[in-house]
Structures are given as C-alpha cells and as structure tokens.
Amino acid sequence: MAEQTKEEKNKERKEFWRSHIKGWEESGLTQIEYCNRHELSRHRFTYWKCKRDKESRPVTFMPIFQNPMQSYPTTNQSIPINLIIRDRYRIEIGDGFSPHTLGQILHTLERV
C-alpha cells in the first residue's frame, strides 16, 4: 500500500475536523461536551474551528486614527471587526462600539 503524501494527509485531517465541527454545530452540545463524547482534544477542536472561521470570514480594513477620541466613520456593514493581538487576544468589535472603551481595553492589554 502506498503511503499518503503530506498534502493528502492534510486534506484528510482538514476533512476530519470539518466533519466534527459540522457535527458539533448540529448537535446542540457545548464544545467541551461534544469533544468529550467523541474523545477529541478540545484544543485541537478549537484550533480547527478558528482556522475554518478565519478562512470563511472576509477581510475588512478600517482606518486607525492617532487620536483615539476622533470619530470613526460609520459603515452600513454589520460584519464585526476582529482585532487579534499577538495570537493571544481576540476582540470582536461590532457596530456602535465605544472608542473610549476600546482604548481602555488596549491600554490594559499593553500592560499584560
């Protein structure tokens, strides 16, 4: 029997996790419950779920102003902005966010 190529293994692994993520979404269980029932690593599950979400989400750019109190332009989009800091923190910013609160969050994270 011929060994799988790295590309084939990756494709198989991606499909395995895609199938489990779909199963979890349809199950109504929490991620932890689903992973426990199917003897899956919660960390691997989360990794693949984030990877799938990242691949399916459109990239959106917003201008960043030097003066944090300056008004931000509004858009008609309801797609949230995701701010990822050092692959450790993820902040999802929806419509009508407070620039002041965001500034406080960023200031706090800088001290961590």
PDB file of N, CA and C in Angstrom:
ATOM      1  N   MET A   1       0.838  -1.185   0.000  1.00  0.00           N
ATOM      2  CA  MET A   1       0.000   0.000   0.000  1.00  0.00           C
ATOM      3  C   MET A   1       0.885   1.251   0.000  1.00  0.00           C
ATOM      4  N   ALA A   2       0.594   2.184  -0.894  1.00  0.00           N
ATOM      5  CA  ALA A   2       1.391   3.406  -0.996  1.00  0.00           C
ATOM      6  C   ALA A   2       1.069   4.345   0.167  1.00  0.00           C
ATOM      7  N   GLU A   3       2.121   5.006   0.651  1.00  0.00           N
ATOM      8  CA  GLU A   3       1.929   5.976   1.743  1.00  0.00           C
ATOM      9  C   GLU A   3       1.294   7.248   1.203  1.00  0.00           C
ATOM     10  N   GLN A   4       0.524   7.900   2.077  1.00  0.00           N
ATOM     11  CA  GLN A   4      -0.109   9.155   1.696  1.00  0.00           C
ATOM     12  C   GLN A   4       0.944  10.262   1.642  1.00  0.00           C
ATOM     13  N   THR A   5       0.736  11.186   0.719  1.00  0.00           N
ATOM     14  CA  THR A   5       1.604  12.356   0.671  1.00  0.00           C
ATOM     15  C   THR A   5       1.186  13.301   1.794  1.00  0.00           C
ATOM     16  N   LYS A   6       2.043  14.248   2.080  1.00  0.00           N
ATOM     17  CA  LYS A   6       1.750  15.235   3.123  1.00  0.00           C
ATOM     18  C   LYS A   6       0.472  16.003   2.777  1.00  0.00           C
ATOM     19  N   GLU A   7       0.326  16.328   1.506  1.00  0.00           N
ATOM     20  CA  GLU A   7      -0.860  17.064   1.050  1.00  0.00           C
ATOM     21  C   GLU A   7      -2.128  16.241   1.271  1.00  0.00           C
ATOM     22  N   GLU A   8      -2.061  14.946   0.983  1.00  0.00           N
ATOM     23  CA  GLU A   8      -3.218  14.069   1.189  1.00  0.00           C
ATOM     24  C   GLU A   8      -3.560  13.938   2.665  1.00  0.00           C
ATOM     25  N   LYS A   9      -2.539  13.834   3.519  1.00  0.00           N
ATOM     26  CA  LYS A   9      -2.773  13.751   4.966  1.00  0.00           C
ATOM     27  C   LYS A   9      -3.431  15.024   5.483  1.00  0.00           C
ATOM     28  N   ASN A  10      -2.939  16.174   5.013  1.00  0.00           N
ATOM     29  CA  ASN A  10      -3.523  17.449   5.435  1.00  0.00           C
ATOM     30  C   ASN A  10      -4.976  17.569   4.989  1.00  0.00           C
ATOM     31  N   LYS A  11      -5.260  17.148   3.782  1.00  0.00           N
ATOM     32  CA  LYS A  11      -6.627  17.202   3.270  1.00  0.00           C
ATOM     33  C   LYS A  11      -7.537  16.298   4.096  1.00  0.00           C
ATOM     34  N   GLU A  12      -7.044  15.110   4.414  1.00  0.00           N
ATOM     35  CA  GLU A  12      -7.814  14.158   5.226  1.00  0.00           C
ATOM     36  C   GLU A  12      -8.066  14.713   6.631  1.00  0.00           C
ATOM     37  N   ARG A  13      -7.040  15.314   7.218  1.00  0.00           N
ATOM     38  CA  ARG A  13      -7.149  15.901   8.561  1.00  0.00           C
ATOM     39  C   ARG A  13      -8.148  17.062   8.560  1.00  0.00           C
ATOM     40  N   LYS A  14      -8.064  17.898   7.540  1.00  0.00           N
ATOM     41  CA  LYS A  14      -8.975  19.040   7.421  1.00  0.00           C
ATOM     42  C   LYS A  14     -10.419  18.558   7.300  1.00  0.00           C
ATOM     43  N   GLU A  15     -10.648  17.536   6.503  1.00  0.00           N
ATOM     44  CA  GLU A  15     -11.997  16.995   6.330  1.00  0.00           C
ATOM     45  C   GLU A  15     -12.497  16.344   7.623  1.00  0.00           C
ATOM     46  N   PHE A  16     -11.629  15.659   8.349  1.00  0.00           N
ATOM     47  CA  PHE A  16     -11.984  15.053   9.634  1.00  0.00           C
ATOM     48  C   PHE A  16     -12.521  16.113  10.589  1.00  0.00           C
ATOM     49  N   TRP A  17     -11.770  17.210  10.733  1.00  0.00           N
ATOM     50  CA  TRP A  17     -12.180  18.257  11.662  1.00  0.00           C
ATOM     51  C   TRP A  17     -13.388  19.026  11.140  1.00  0.00           C
ATOM     52  N   ARG A  18     -13.458  19.265   9.848  1.00  0.00           N
ATOM     53  CA  ARG A  18     -14.623  19.954   9.271  1.00  0.00           C
ATOM     54  C   ARG A  18     -15.892  19.153   9.553  1.00  0.00           C
ATOM     55  N   SER A  19     -15.810  17.847   9.425  1.00  0.00           N
ATOM     56  CA  SER A  19     -16.948  16.976   9.688  1.00  0.00           C
ATOM     57  C   SER A  19     -17.359  17.046  11.163  1.00  0.00           C
ATOM     58  N   HIS A  20     -16.383  17.024  12.072  1.00  0.00           N
ATOM     59  CA  HIS A  20     -16.685  17.093  13.501  1.00  0.00           C
ATOM     60  C   HIS A  20     -17.248  18.468  13.888  1.00  0.00           C
ATOM     61  N   ILE A  21     -16.729  19.527  13.299  1.00  0.00           N
ATOM     62  CA  ILE A  21     -17.236  20.872  13.618  1.00  0.00           C
ATOM     63  C   ILE A  21     -18.686  20.990  13.161  1.00  0.00           C
ATOM     64  N   LYS A  22     -18.981  20.466  11.980  1.00  0.00           N
ATOM     65  CA  LYS A  22     -20.365  20.479  11.499  1.00  0.00           C
ATOM     66  C   LYS A  22     -21.252  19.645  12.426  1.00  0.00           C
ATOM     67  N   GLY A  23     -20.752  18.492  12.841  1.00  0.00           N
ATOM     68  CA  GLY A  23     -21.500  17.640  13.768  1.00  0.00           C
ATOM     69  C   GLY A  23     -21.772  18.345  15.084  1.00  0.00           C
ATOM     70  N   TRP A  24     -20.771  19.067  15.584  1.00  0.00           N
ATOM     71  CA  TRP A  24     -20.946  19.817  16.834  1.00  0.00           C
ATOM     72  C   TRP A  24     -21.996  20.909  16.661  1.00  0.00           C
ATOM     73  N   GLU A  25     -21.934  21.647  15.546  1.00  0.00           N
ATOM     74  CA  GLU A  25     -22.894  22.728  15.309  1.00  0.00           C
ATOM     75  C   GLU A  25     -24.330  22.205  15.266  1.00  0.00           C
ATOM     76  N   GLU A  26     -24.502  21.019  14.741  1.00  0.00           N
ATOM     77  CA  GLU A  26     -25.836  20.430  14.626  1.00  0.00           C
ATOM     78  C   GLU A  26     -26.277  19.718  15.900  1.00  0.00           C
ATOM     79  N   SER A  27     -25.340  19.449  16.806  1.00  0.00           N
ATOM     80  CA  SER A  27     -25.641  18.644  17.996  1.00  0.00           C
ATOM     81  C   SER A  27     -26.343  19.404  19.114  1.00  0.00           C
ATOM     82  N   GLY A  28     -26.112  20.707  19.205  1.00  0.00           N
ATOM     83  CA  GLY A  28     -26.669  21.480  20.313  1.00  0.00           C
ATOM     84  C   GLY A  28     -25.865  21.333  21.596  1.00  0.00           C
ATOM     85  N   LEU A  29     -24.742  20.635  21.533  1.00  0.00           N
ATOM     86  CA  LEU A  29     -23.877  20.452  22.701  1.00  0.00           C
ATOM     87  C   LEU A  29     -22.862  21.582  22.786  1.00  0.00           C
ATOM     88  N   THR A  30     -22.283  21.767  23.972  1.00  0.00           N
ATOM     89  CA  THR A  30     -21.163  22.686  24.088  1.00  0.00           C
ATOM     90  C   THR A  30     -19.962  22.019  23.429  1.00  0.00           C
ATOM     91  N   GLN A  31     -18.933  22.796  23.138  1.00  0.00           N
ATOM     92  CA  GLN A  31     -17.727  22.212  22.533  1.00  0.00           C
ATOM     93  C   GLN A  31     -17.115  21.165  23.451  1.00  0.00           C
ATOM     94  N   ILE A  32     -17.088  21.455  24.735  1.00  0.00           N
ATOM     95  CA  ILE A  32     -16.495  20.512  25.695  1.00  0.00           C
ATOM     96  C   ILE A  32     -17.277  19.206  25.713  1.00  0.00           C
ATOM     97  N   GLU A  33     -18.610  19.295  25.763  1.00  0.00           N
ATOM     98  CA  GLU A  33     -19.434  18.079  25.776  1.00  0.00           C
ATOM     99  C   GLU A  33     -19.219  17.264  24.503  1.00  0.00           C
ATOM    100  N   TYR A  34     -19.205  17.964  23.369  1.00  0.00           N
ATOM    101  CA  TYR A  34     -19.021  17.267  22.101  1.00  0.00           C
ATOM    102  C   TYR A  34     -17.655  16.571  22.059  1.00  0.00           C
ATOM    103  N   CYS A  35     -16.619  17.297  22.446  1.00  0.00           N
ATOM    104  CA  CYS A  35     -15.268  16.721  22.420  1.00  0.00           C
ATOM    105  C   CYS A  35     -15.158  15.524  23.361  1.00  0.00           C
ATOM    106  N   ASN A  36     -15.750  15.629  24.544  1.00  0.00           N
ATOM    107  CA  ASN A  36     -15.714  14.507  25.486  1.00  0.00           C
ATOM    108  C   ASN A  36     -16.424  13.283  24.912  1.00  0.00           C
ATOM    109  N   ARG A  37     -17.588  13.479  24.311  1.00  0.00           N
ATOM    110  CA  ARG A  37     -18.354  12.355  23.752  1.00  0.00           C
ATOM    111  C   ARG A  37     -17.629  11.673  22.605  1.00  0.00           C
ATOM    112  N   HIS A  38     -16.864  12.442  21.854  1.00  0.00           N
ATOM    113  CA  HIS A  38     -16.178  11.894  20.675  1.00  0.00           C
ATOM    114  C   HIS A  38     -14.678  11.699  20.910  1.00  0.00           C
ATOM    115  N   GLU A  39     -14.271  11.857  22.176  1.00  0.00           N
ATOM    116  CA  GLU A  39     -12.865  11.676  22.564  1.00  0.00           C
ATOM    117  C   GLU A  39     -11.917  12.484  21.683  1.00  0.00           C
ATOM    118  N   LEU A  40     -12.245  13.773  21.561  1.00  0.00           N
ATOM    119  CA  LEU A  40     -11.433  14.700  20.770  1.00  0.00           C
ATOM    120  C   LEU A  40     -10.716  15.663  21.700  1.00  0.00           C
ATOM    121  N   SER A  41      -9.564  16.126  21.270  1.00  0.00           N
ATOM    122  CA  SER A  41      -8.837  17.159  22.003  1.00  0.00           C
ATOM    123  C   SER A  41      -9.581  18.480  21.851  1.00  0.00           C
ATOM    124  N   ARG A  42      -9.934  19.102  22.986  1.00  0.00           N
ATOM    125  CA  ARG A  42     -10.626  20.400  22.936  1.00  0.00           C
ATOM    126  C   ARG A  42      -9.754  21.453  22.264  1.00  0.00           C
ATOM    127  N   HIS A  43      -8.463  21.388  22.532  1.00  0.00           N
ATOM    128  CA  HIS A  43      -7.548  22.381  21.966  1.00  0.00           C
ATOM    129  C   HIS A  43      -7.444  22.234  20.446  1.00  0.00           C
ATOM    130  N   ARG A  44      -7.348  20.997  19.977  1.00  0.00           N
ATOM    131  CA  ARG A  44      -7.297  20.761  18.523  1.00  0.00           C
ATOM    132  C   ARG A  44      -8.610  21.178  17.880  1.00  0.00           C
ATOM    133  N   PHE A  45      -9.734  20.869  18.548  1.00  0.00           N
ATOM    134  CA  PHE A  45     -11.046  21.247  18.034  1.00  0.00           C
ATOM    135  C   PHE A  45     -11.124  22.763  17.868  1.00  0.00           C
ATOM    136  N   THR A  46     -10.732  23.490  18.906  1.00  0.00           N
ATOM    137  CA  THR A  46     -10.769  24.949  18.861  1.00  0.00           C
ATOM    138  C   THR A  46      -9.849  25.484  17.772  1.00  0.00           C
ATOM    139  N   TYR A  47      -8.657  24.892  17.643  1.00  0.00           N
ATOM    140  CA  TYR A  47      -7.714  25.312  16.604  1.00  0.00           C
ATOM    141  C   TYR A  47      -8.355  25.197  15.221  1.00  0.00           C
ATOM    142  N   TRP A  48      -8.952  24.042  14.920  1.00  0.00           N
ATOM    143  CA  TRP A  48      -9.530  23.824  13.603  1.00  0.00           C
ATOM    144  C   TRP A  48     -10.784  24.653  13.389  1.00  0.00           C
ATOM    145  N   LYS A  49     -11.550  24.893  14.448  1.00  0.00           N
ATOM    146  CA  LYS A  49     -12.743  25.737  14.339  1.00  0.00           C
ATOM    147  C   LYS A  49     -12.323  27.175  14.001  1.00  0.00           C
ATOM    148  N   CYS A  50     -11.316  27.679  14.702  1.00  0.00           N
ATOM    149  CA  CYS A  50     -10.820  29.037  14.426  1.00  0.00           C
ATOM    150  C   CYS A  50     -10.242  29.129  13.020  1.00  0.00           C
ATOM    151  N   LYS A  51      -9.534  28.091  12.621  1.00  0.00           N
ATOM    152  CA  LYS A  51      -8.942  28.064  11.283  1.00  0.00           C
ATOM    153  C   LYS A  51     -10.036  28.104  10.221  1.00  0.00           C
ATOM    154  N   ARG A  52     -11.098  27.332  10.422  1.00  0.00           N
ATOM    155  CA  ARG A  52     -12.220  27.339   9.479  1.00  0.00           C
ATOM    156  C   ARG A  52     -12.898  28.701   9.451  1.00  0.00           C
ATOM    157  N   ASP A  53     -13.135  29.267  10.641  1.00  0.00           N
ATOM    158  CA  ASP A  53     -13.783  30.572  10.726  1.00  0.00           C
ATOM    159  C   ASP A  53     -12.942  31.639  10.034  1.00  0.00           C
ATOM    160  N   LYS A  54     -11.645  31.564  10.229  1.00  0.00           N
ATOM    161  CA  LYS A  54     -10.736  32.553   9.636  1.00  0.00           C
ATOM    162  C   LYS A  54     -10.754  32.461   8.108  1.00  0.00           C
ATOM    163  N   GLU A  55     -10.817  31.246   7.582  1.00  0.00           N
ATOM    164  CA  GLU A  55     -10.817  31.053   6.129  1.00  0.00           C
ATOM    165  C   GLU A  55     -12.119  31.531   5.495  1.00  0.00           C
ATOM    166  N   SER A  56     -13.224  31.450   6.236  1.00  0.00           N
ATOM    167  CA  SER A  56     -14.515  31.795   5.655  1.00  0.00           C
ATOM    168  C   SER A  56     -14.926  33.245   5.892  1.00  0.00           C
ATOM    169  N   ARG A  57     -14.151  33.973   6.674  1.00  0.00           N
ATOM    170  CA  ARG A  57     -14.502  35.357   7.014  1.00  0.00           C
ATOM    171  C   ARG A  57     -13.812  36.324   6.057  1.00  0.00           C
ATOM    172  N   PRO A  58     -14.559  37.295   5.501  1.00  0.00           N
ATOM    173  CA  PRO A  58     -13.919  38.262   4.610  1.00  0.00           C
ATOM    174  C   PRO A  58     -13.000  39.200   5.399  1.00  0.00           C
ATOM    175  N   VAL A  59     -11.970  39.667   4.743  1.00  0.00           N
ATOM    176  CA  VAL A  59     -11.040  40.604   5.373  1.00  0.00           C
ATOM    177  C   VAL A  59     -11.615  42.005   5.235  1.00  0.00           C
ATOM    178  N   THR A  60     -11.647  42.744   6.340  1.00  0.00           N
ATOM    179  CA  THR A  60     -12.162  44.107   6.348  1.00  0.00           C
ATOM    180  C   THR A  60     -11.109  45.016   6.958  1.00  0.00           C
ATOM    181  N   PHE A  61     -10.867  46.146   6.327  1.00  0.00           N
ATOM    182  CA  PHE A  61      -9.895  47.098   6.846  1.00  0.00           C
ATOM    183  C   PHE A  61     -10.615  48.350   7.325  1.00  0.00           C
ATOM    184  N   MET A  62     -10.139  48.898   8.422  1.00  0.00           N
ATOM    185  CA  MET A  62     -10.674  50.149   8.960  1.00  0.00           C
ATOM    186  C   MET A  62      -9.498  51.080   9.200  1.00  0.00           C
ATOM    187  N   PRO A  63      -9.686  52.365   8.971  1.00  0.00           N
ATOM    188  CA  PRO A  63      -8.606  53.299   9.272  1.00  0.00           C
ATOM    189  C   PRO A  63      -8.380  53.388  10.778  1.00  0.00           C
ATOM    190  N   ILE A  64      -7.147  53.563  11.164  1.00  0.00           N
ATOM    191  CA  ILE A  64      -6.806  53.741  12.575  1.00  0.00           C
ATOM    192  C   ILE A  64      -6.283  55.158  12.720  1.00  0.00           C
ATOM    193  N   PHE A  65      -6.876  55.904  13.636  1.00  0.00           N
ATOM    194  CA  PHE A  65      -6.523  57.297  13.836  1.00  0.00           C
ATOM    195  C   PHE A  65      -5.549  57.435  15.001  1.00  0.00           C
ATOM    196  N   GLN A  66      -4.663  58.413  14.920  1.00  0.00           N
ATOM    197  CA  GLN A  66      -3.730  58.658  16.016  1.00  0.00           C
ATOM    198  C   GLN A  66      -4.461  59.137  17.261  1.00  0.00           C
ATOM    199  N   ASN A  67      -5.461  59.961  17.081  1.00  0.00           N
ATOM    200  CA  ASN A  67      -6.216  60.481  18.209  1.00  0.00           C
ATOM    201  C   ASN A  67      -7.354  59.507  18.507  1.00  0.00           C
ATOM    202  N   PRO A  68      -7.289  58.739  19.616  1.00  0.00           N
ATOM    203  CA  PRO A  68      -8.315  57.736  19.874  1.00  0.00           C
ATOM    204  C   PRO A  68      -9.706  58.314  20.095  1.00  0.00           C
ATOM    205  N   MET A  69      -9.819  59.601  20.373  1.00  0.00           N
ATOM    206  CA  MET A  69     -11.136  60.193  20.608  1.00  0.00           C
ATOM    207  C   MET A  69     -11.757  60.717  19.312  1.00  0.00           C
ATOM    208  N   GLN A  70     -11.001  60.651  18.201  1.00  0.00           N
ATOM    209  CA  GLN A  70     -11.511  61.121  16.921  1.00  0.00           C
ATOM    210  C   GLN A  70     -12.658  60.209  16.474  1.00  0.00           C
ATOM    211  N   SER A  71     -13.642  60.746  15.819  1.00  0.00           N
ATOM    212  CA  SER A  71     -14.788  59.961  15.386  1.00  0.00           C
ATOM    213  C   SER A  71     -14.380  58.967  14.315  1.00  0.00           C
ATOM    214  N   TYR A  72     -14.957  57.799  14.382  1.00  0.00           N
ATOM    215  CA  TYR A  72     -14.727  56.773  13.388  1.00  0.00           C
ATOM    216  C   TYR A  72     -15.859  56.833  12.370  1.00  0.00           C
ATOM    217  N   PRO A  73     -15.521  56.628  11.112  1.00  0.00           N
ATOM    218  CA  PRO A  73     -16.585  56.655  10.104  1.00  0.00           C
ATOM    219  C   PRO A  73     -17.503  55.452  10.297  1.00  0.00           C
ATOM    220  N   THR A  74     -18.763  55.639  10.038  1.00  0.00           N
ATOM    221  CA  THR A  74     -19.700  54.529  10.142  1.00  0.00           C
ATOM    222  C   THR A  74     -19.876  53.900   8.780  1.00  0.00           C
ATOM    223  N   THR A  75     -20.204  52.638   8.789  1.00  0.00           N
ATOM    224  CA  THR A  75     -20.460  51.923   7.550  1.00  0.00           C
ATOM    225  C   THR A  75     -21.805  51.241   7.678  1.00  0.00           C
ATOM    226  N   ASN A  76     -22.316  50.810   6.555  1.00  0.00           N
ATOM    227  CA  ASN A  76     -23.589  50.096   6.558  1.00  0.00           C
ATOM    228  C   ASN A  76     -23.374  48.605   6.764  1.00  0.00           C
ATOM    229  N   GLN A  77     -22.133  48.201   6.952  1.00  0.00           N
ATOM    230  CA  GLN A  77     -21.834  46.792   7.145  1.00  0.00           C
ATOM    231  C   GLN A  77     -22.160  46.372   8.573  1.00  0.00           C
ATOM    232  N   SER A  78     -22.616  45.144   8.709  1.00  0.00           N
ATOM    233  CA  SER A  78     -22.839  44.613  10.039  1.00  0.00           C
ATOM    234  C   SER A  78     -21.811  43.538  10.355  1.00  0.00           C
ATOM    235  N   ILE A  79     -20.773  43.428   9.522  1.00  0.00           N
ATOM    236  CA  ILE A  79     -19.704  42.461   9.760  1.00  0.00           C
ATOM    237  C   ILE A  79     -18.815  43.007  10.871  1.00  0.00           C
ATOM    238  N   PRO A  80     -18.612  42.233  11.938  1.00  0.00           N
ATOM    239  CA  PRO A  80     -17.776  42.728  13.030  1.00  0.00           C
ATOM    240  C   PRO A  80     -16.308  42.797  12.621  1.00  0.00           C
ATOM    241  N   ILE A  81     -15.590  43.668  13.287  1.00  0.00           N
ATOM    242  CA  ILE A  81     -14.147  43.780  13.090  1.00  0.00           C
ATOM    243  C   ILE A  81     -13.493  42.913  14.151  1.00  0.00           C
ATOM    244  N   ASN A  82     -12.516  42.108  13.755  1.00  0.00           N
ATOM    245  CA  ASN A  82     -11.803  41.276  14.699  1.00  0.00           C
ATOM    246  C   ASN A  82     -10.398  41.817  14.860  1.00  0.00           C
ATOM    247  N   LEU A  83     -10.054  42.131  16.089  1.00  0.00           N
ATOM    248  CA  LEU A  83      -8.734  42.646  16.416  1.00  0.00           C
ATOM    249  C   LEU A  83      -7.993  41.526  17.128  1.00  0.00           C
ATOM    250  N   ILE A  84      -6.926  41.012  16.506  1.00  0.00           N
ATOM    251  CA  ILE A  84      -6.165  39.909  17.087  1.00  0.00           C
ATOM    252  C   ILE A  84      -4.807  40.457  17.507  1.00  0.00           C
ATOM    253  N   ILE A  85      -4.479  40.255  18.769  1.00  0.00           N
ATOM    254  CA  ILE A  85      -3.251  40.793  19.332  1.00  0.00           C
ATOM    255  C   ILE A  85      -2.349  39.641  19.764  1.00  0.00           C
ATOM    256  N   ARG A  86      -1.180  39.580  19.129  1.00  0.00           N
ATOM    257  CA  ARG A  86      -0.160  38.580  19.441  1.00  0.00           C
ATOM    258  C   ARG A  86      -0.701  37.145  19.463  1.00  0.00           C
ATOM    259  N   ASP A  87      -1.659  36.831  18.617  1.00  0.00           N
ATOM    260  CA  ASP A  87      -2.276  35.499  18.576  1.00  0.00           C
ATOM    261  C   ASP A  87      -2.728  35.027  19.954  1.00  0.00           C
ATOM    262  N   ARG A  88      -2.936  35.983  20.868  1.00  0.00           N
ATOM    263  CA  ARG A  88      -3.316  35.630  22.236  1.00  0.00           C
ATOM    264  C   ARG A  88      -4.687  36.186  22.600  1.00  0.00           C
ATOM    265  N   TYR A  89      -4.987  37.379  22.085  1.00  0.00           N
ATOM    266  CA  TYR A  89      -6.253  38.032  22.392  1.00  0.00           C
ATOM    267  C   TYR A  89      -7.014  38.282  21.107  1.00  0.00           C
ATOM    268  N   ARG A  90      -8.323  38.068  21.167  1.00  0.00           N
ATOM    269  CA  ARG A  90      -9.177  38.352  20.015  1.00  0.00           C
ATOM    270  C   ARG A  90     -10.328  39.203  20.519  1.00  0.00           C
ATOM    271  N   ILE A  91     -10.448  40.398  19.957  1.00  0.00           N
ATOM    272  CA  ILE A  91     -11.512  41.318  20.333  1.00  0.00           C
ATOM    273  C   ILE A  91     -12.400  41.508  19.118  1.00  0.00           C
ATOM    274  N   GLU A  92     -13.681  41.200  19.281  1.00  0.00           N
ATOM    275  CA  GLU A  92     -14.635  41.384  18.193  1.00  0.00           C
ATOM    276  C   GLU A  92     -15.360  42.700  18.428  1.00  0.00           C
ATOM    277  N   ILE A  93     -15.289  43.587  17.446  1.00  0.00           N
ATOM    278  CA  ILE A  93     -15.855  44.927  17.573  1.00  0.00           C
ATOM    279  C   ILE A  93     -17.045  45.037  16.628  1.00  0.00           C
ATOM    280  N   GLY A  94     -18.230  45.232  17.205  1.00  0.00           N
ATOM    281  CA  GLY A  94     -19.448  45.339  16.410  1.00  0.00           C
ATOM    282  C   GLY A  94     -19.830  46.786  16.169  1.00  0.00           C
ATOM    283  N   ASP A  95     -20.953  46.958  15.504  1.00  0.00           N
ATOM    284  CA  ASP A  95     -21.469  48.299  15.238  1.00  0.00           C
ATOM    285  C   ASP A  95     -21.694  49.057  16.537  1.00  0.00           C
ATOM    286  N   GLY A  96     -21.444  50.345  16.507  1.00  0.00           N
ATOM    287  CA  GLY A  96     -21.731  51.202  17.658  1.00  0.00           C
ATOM    288  C   GLY A  96     -20.795  51.022  18.829  1.00  0.00           C
ATOM    289  N   PHE A  97     -19.571  50.547  18.593  1.00  0.00           N
ATOM    290  CA  PHE A  97     -18.643  50.362  19.704  1.00  0.00           C
ATOM    291  C   PHE A  97     -18.187  51.708  20.254  1.00  0.00           C
ATOM    292  N   SER A  98     -17.669  51.676  21.465  1.00  0.00           N
ATOM    293  CA  SER A  98     -17.183  52.888  22.114  1.00  0.00           C
ATOM    294  C   SER A  98     -15.667  52.996  21.927  1.00  0.00           C
ATOM    295  N   PRO A  99     -15.184  54.000  21.205  1.00  0.00           N
ATOM    296  CA  PRO A  99     -13.737  54.170  21.054  1.00  0.00           C
ATOM    297  C   PRO A  99     -13.041  54.317  22.403  1.00  0.00           C
ATOM    298  N   HIS A 100     -13.699  54.939  23.353  1.00  0.00           N
ATOM    299  CA  HIS A 100     -13.111  55.120  24.681  1.00  0.00           C
ATOM    300  C   HIS A 100     -12.894  53.761  25.367  1.00  0.00           C
ATOM    301  N   THR A 101     -13.907  52.901  25.316  1.00  0.00           N
ATOM    302  CA  THR A 101     -13.786  51.575  25.927  1.00  0.00           C
ATOM    303  C   THR A 101     -12.711  50.759  25.227  1.00  0.00           C
ATOM    304  N   LEU A 102     -12.670  50.800  23.903  1.00  0.00           N
ATOM    305  CA  LEU A 102     -11.642  50.078  23.168  1.00  0.00           C
ATOM    306  C   LEU A 102     -10.261  50.569  23.573  1.00  0.00           C
ATOM    307  N   GLY A 103     -10.102  51.882  23.721  1.00  0.00           N
ATOM    308  CA  GLY A 103      -8.824  52.441  24.166  1.00  0.00           C
ATOM    309  C   GLY A 103      -8.423  51.911  25.535  1.00  0.00           C
ATOM    310  N   GLN A 104      -9.387  51.803  26.445  1.00  0.00           N
ATOM    311  CA  GLN A 104      -9.100  51.272  27.782  1.00  0.00           C
ATOM    312  C   GLN A 104      -8.689  49.801  27.706  1.00  0.00           C
ATOM    313  N   ILE A 105      -9.354  49.030  26.858  1.00  0.00           N
ATOM    314  CA  ILE A 105      -9.010  47.616  26.702  1.00  0.00           C
ATOM    315  C   ILE A 105      -7.594  47.477  26.159  1.00  0.00           C
ATOM    316  N   LEU A 106      -7.262  48.242  25.130  1.00  0.00           N
ATOM    317  CA  LEU A 106      -5.932  48.156  24.537  1.00  0.00           C
ATOM    318  C   LEU A 106      -4.862  48.594  25.543  1.00  0.00           C
ATOM    319  N   HIS A 107      -5.148  49.639  26.301  1.00  0.00           N
ATOM    320  CA  HIS A 107      -4.215  50.100  27.317  1.00  0.00           C
ATOM    321  C   HIS A 107      -3.967  49.005  28.360  1.00  0.00           C
ATOM    322  N   THR A 108      -5.015  48.330  28.774  1.00  0.00           N
ATOM    323  CA  THR A 108      -4.893  47.247  29.745  1.00  0.00           C
ATOM    324  C   THR A 108      -4.083  46.089  29.176  1.00  0.00           C
ATOM    325  N   LEU A 109      -4.340  45.720  27.919  1.00  0.00           N
ATOM    326  CA  LEU A 109      -3.619  44.607  27.294  1.00  0.00           C
ATOM    327  C   LEU A 109      -2.137  44.923  27.115  1.00  0.00           C
ATOM    328  N   GLU A 110      -1.806  46.186  26.892  1.00  0.00           N
ATOM    329  CA  GLU A 110      -0.397  46.574  26.741  1.00  0.00           C
ATOM    330  C   GLU A 110       0.379  46.323  28.022  1.00  0.00           C
ATOM    331  N   ARG A 111      -0.312  46.386  29.160  1.00  0.00           N
ATOM    332  CA  ARG A 111       0.366  46.204  30.445  1.00  0.00           C
ATOM    333  C   ARG A 111       0.523  44.722  30.813  1.00  0.00           C
ATOM    334  N   VAL A 112      -0.182  43.844  30.094  1.00  0.00           N
ATOM    335  CA  VAL A 112      -0.117  42.409  30.416  1.00  0.00           C
ATOM    336  C   VAL A 112       1.147  41.802  29.855  1.00  0.00           C
TER     337      VAL A 112
END
